[in-house]
C-alpha atoms as a PDB file:
ATOM      1  CA  MET A   1    -176.801 -34.574-130.056  1.00  0.00           C
ATOM      2  CA  ASP A   2    -173.788 -32.943-132.870  1.00  0.00           C
ATOM      3  CA  SER A   3    -173.005 -31.443-130.238  1.00  0.00           C
ATOM      4  CA  SER A   4    -172.685 -34.285-128.454  1.00  0.00           C
ATOM      5  CA  ARG A   5    -170.187 -36.478-130.542  1.00  0.00           C
ATOM      6  CA  ASP A   6    -168.730 -33.375-131.198  1.00  0.00           C
ATOM      7  CA  ARG A   7    -167.217 -32.733-127.397  1.00  0.00           C
ATOM      8  CA  LYS A   8    -167.091 -36.358-127.647  1.00  0.00           C
ATOM      9  CA  TRP A   9    -163.977 -35.707-130.064  1.00  0.00           C
ATOM     10  CA  GLU A  10    -162.254 -32.915-128.630  1.00  0.00           C
ATOM     11  CA  PHE A  11    -162.209 -33.746-125.141  1.00  0.00           C
ATOM     12  CA  ILE A  12    -159.968 -37.636-126.741  1.00  0.00           C
ATOM     13  CA  ARG A  13    -158.521 -34.805-128.917  1.00  0.00           C
ATOM     14  CA  LYS A  14    -156.918 -33.186-125.775  1.00  0.00           C
ATOM     15  CA  PHE A  15    -156.509 -36.427-122.896  1.00  0.00           C
ATOM     16  CA  ALA A  16    -154.565 -37.970-126.264  1.00  0.00           C
ATOM     17  CA  LYS A  17    -152.828 -34.516-126.023  1.00  0.00           C
ATOM     18  CA  ALA A  18    -151.652 -34.505-123.077  1.00  0.00           C
ATOM     19  CA  LYS A  19    -150.758 -38.200-122.769  1.00  0.00           C
ATOM     20  CA  GLU A  20    -148.905 -37.011-126.107  1.00  0.00           C
ATOM     21  CA  MET A  21    -147.253 -34.050-123.271  1.00  0.00           C
ATOM     22  CA  GLU A  22    -146.874 -36.619-121.315  1.00  0.00           C
ATOM     23  CA  ALA A  23    -144.915 -39.452-122.456  1.00  0.00           C
ATOM     24  CA  GLU A  24    -142.679 -36.651-123.159  1.00  0.00           C
ATOM     25  CA  ALA A  25    -141.470 -35.146-120.028  1.00  0.00           C
ATOM     26  CA  PHE A  26    -141.399 -38.771-118.634  1.00  0.00           C
ATOM     27  CA  MET A  27    -138.436 -39.062-121.368  1.00  0.00           C
ATOM     28  CA  GLU A  28    -136.988 -36.466-120.116  1.00  0.00           C
ATOM     29  CA  LEU A  29    -136.464 -37.391-117.015  1.00  0.00           C
ATOM     30  CA  LEU A  30    -134.848 -40.102-118.502  1.00  0.00           C
ATOM     31  CA  PRO A  31    -131.084 -40.620-119.074  1.00  0.00           C
ATOM     32  CA  GLU A  32    -129.712 -40.331-122.301  1.00  0.00           C
ATOM     33  CA  SER A  33    -129.603 -44.153-122.455  1.00  0.00           C
ATOM     34  CA  SER A  34    -132.558 -45.181-121.712  1.00  0.00           C
ATOM     35  CA  ARG A  35    -134.657 -42.662-123.722  1.00  0.00           C
ATOM     36  CA  GLU A  36    -134.347 -45.348-126.916  1.00  0.00           C
ATOM     37  CA  HIS A  37    -135.237 -47.907-125.481  1.00  0.00           C
ATOM     38  CA  MET A  38    -138.715 -46.542-123.639  1.00  0.00           C
ATOM     39  CA  SER A  39    -139.168 -45.136-127.055  1.00  0.00           C
ATOM     40  CA  ILE A  40    -139.188 -48.110-128.618  1.00  0.00           C
ATOM     41  CA  ILE A  41    -141.310 -49.684-126.901  1.00  0.00           C
ATOM     42  CA  GLY A  42    -143.576 -46.943-126.006  1.00  0.00           C
ATOM     43  CA  ARG A  43    -144.658 -47.736-130.717  1.00  0.00           C
ATOM     44  CA  GLU A  44    -144.612 -51.501-129.744  1.00  0.00           C
ATOM     45  CA  ALA A  45    -147.352 -50.751-127.023  1.00  0.00           C
ATOM     46  CA  ALA A  46    -148.734 -48.460-128.986  1.00  0.00           C
ATOM     47  CA  ALA A  47    -148.422 -50.414-131.840  1.00  0.00           C
ATOM     48  CA  MET A  48    -150.357 -53.975-130.214  1.00  0.00           C
ATOM     49  CA  VAL A  49    -153.380 -51.295-128.944  1.00  0.00           C
ATOM     50  CA  ARG A  50    -153.711 -50.043-132.222  1.00  0.00           C
ATOM     51  CA  GLU A  51    -154.170 -54.198-133.398  1.00  0.00           C
ATOM     52  CA  GLY A  52    -156.317 -54.394-130.728  1.00  0.00           C
ATOM     53  CA  MET A  53    -158.776 -51.488-131.201  1.00  0.00           C
ATOM     54  CA  ALA A  54    -158.743 -52.534-135.092  1.00  0.00           C
ATOM     55  CA  GLY A  55    -160.124 -56.122-133.813  1.00  0.00           C
ATOM     56  CA  VAL A  56    -162.585 -54.570-132.350  1.00  0.00           C
ATOM     57  CA  MET A  57    -163.923 -52.452-134.191  1.00  0.00           C
ATOM     58  CA  ASN A  58    -164.488 -54.498-137.418  1.00  0.00           C
ATOM     59  CA  GLY A  59    -166.300 -57.353-134.383  1.00  0.00           C
ATOM     60  CA  LYS A  60    -163.156 -59.968-134.678  1.00  0.00           C
ATOM     61  CA  ASP A  61    -162.800 -61.217-130.495  1.00  0.00           C
ATOM     62  CA  ASN A  62    -159.021 -61.453-129.210  1.00  0.00           C
ATOM     63  CA  ASN A  63    -159.608 -64.784-129.484  1.00  0.00           C
ATOM     64  CA  ALA A  64    -160.976 -65.219-132.848  1.00  0.00           C
ATOM     65  CA  ALA A  65    -157.440 -63.599-133.743  1.00  0.00           C
ATOM     66  CA  LYS A  66    -155.508 -65.597-132.465  1.00  0.00           C
ATOM     67  CA  ASN A  67    -156.554 -68.191-134.551  1.00  0.00           C
ATOM     68  CA  GLU A  68    -156.614 -66.698-137.512  1.00  0.00           C
ATOM     69  CA  ALA A  69    -152.954 -66.373-137.049  1.00  0.00           C
ATOM     70  CA  GLY A  70    -152.094 -69.343-135.871  1.00  0.00           C
ATOM     71  CA  SER A  71    -153.875 -71.215-138.963  1.00  0.00           C
ATOM     72  CA  GLY A  72    -150.859 -70.891-141.247  1.00  0.00           C
ATOM     73  CA  ARG A  73    -148.444 -72.384-138.407  1.00  0.00           C
ATOM     74  CA  LYS A  74    -147.125 -75.155-139.896  1.00  0.00           C
ATOM     75  CA  THR A  75    -146.077 -78.915-137.975  1.00  0.00           C
ATOM     76  CA  VAL A  76    -143.142 -79.369-136.861  1.00  0.00           C
ATOM     77  CA  LYS A  77    -142.025 -82.446-136.939  1.00  0.00           C
ATOM     78  CA  LYS A  78    -139.472 -84.558-134.468  1.00  0.00           C
ATOM     79  CA  VAL A  79    -136.805 -86.082-136.209  1.00  0.00           C
ATOM     80  CA  GLU A  80    -133.901 -88.665-134.971  1.00  0.00           C
ATOM     81  CA  ILE A  81    -130.786 -89.453-136.798  1.00  0.00           C
ATOM     82  CA  GLY A  82    -129.316 -92.187-135.480  1.00  0.00           C
END
């Protein structure tokens, strides 16, 4: 059982490394002016995935996380001046 789990983690590590190398190769194909923009998009996407996975690992579903995030918002009331 342990060796099966070890093989799965090894596969995940190798897969992640391959994707990292793939992204690096893709960035080399882009014009210099687009690289920074794509780099920022990549970091933001990775942060979103990590946040989503953290929610899954903690047992929260997407709707619960959204409700939690929105619970601290203030309400806005329209005021007429005249």
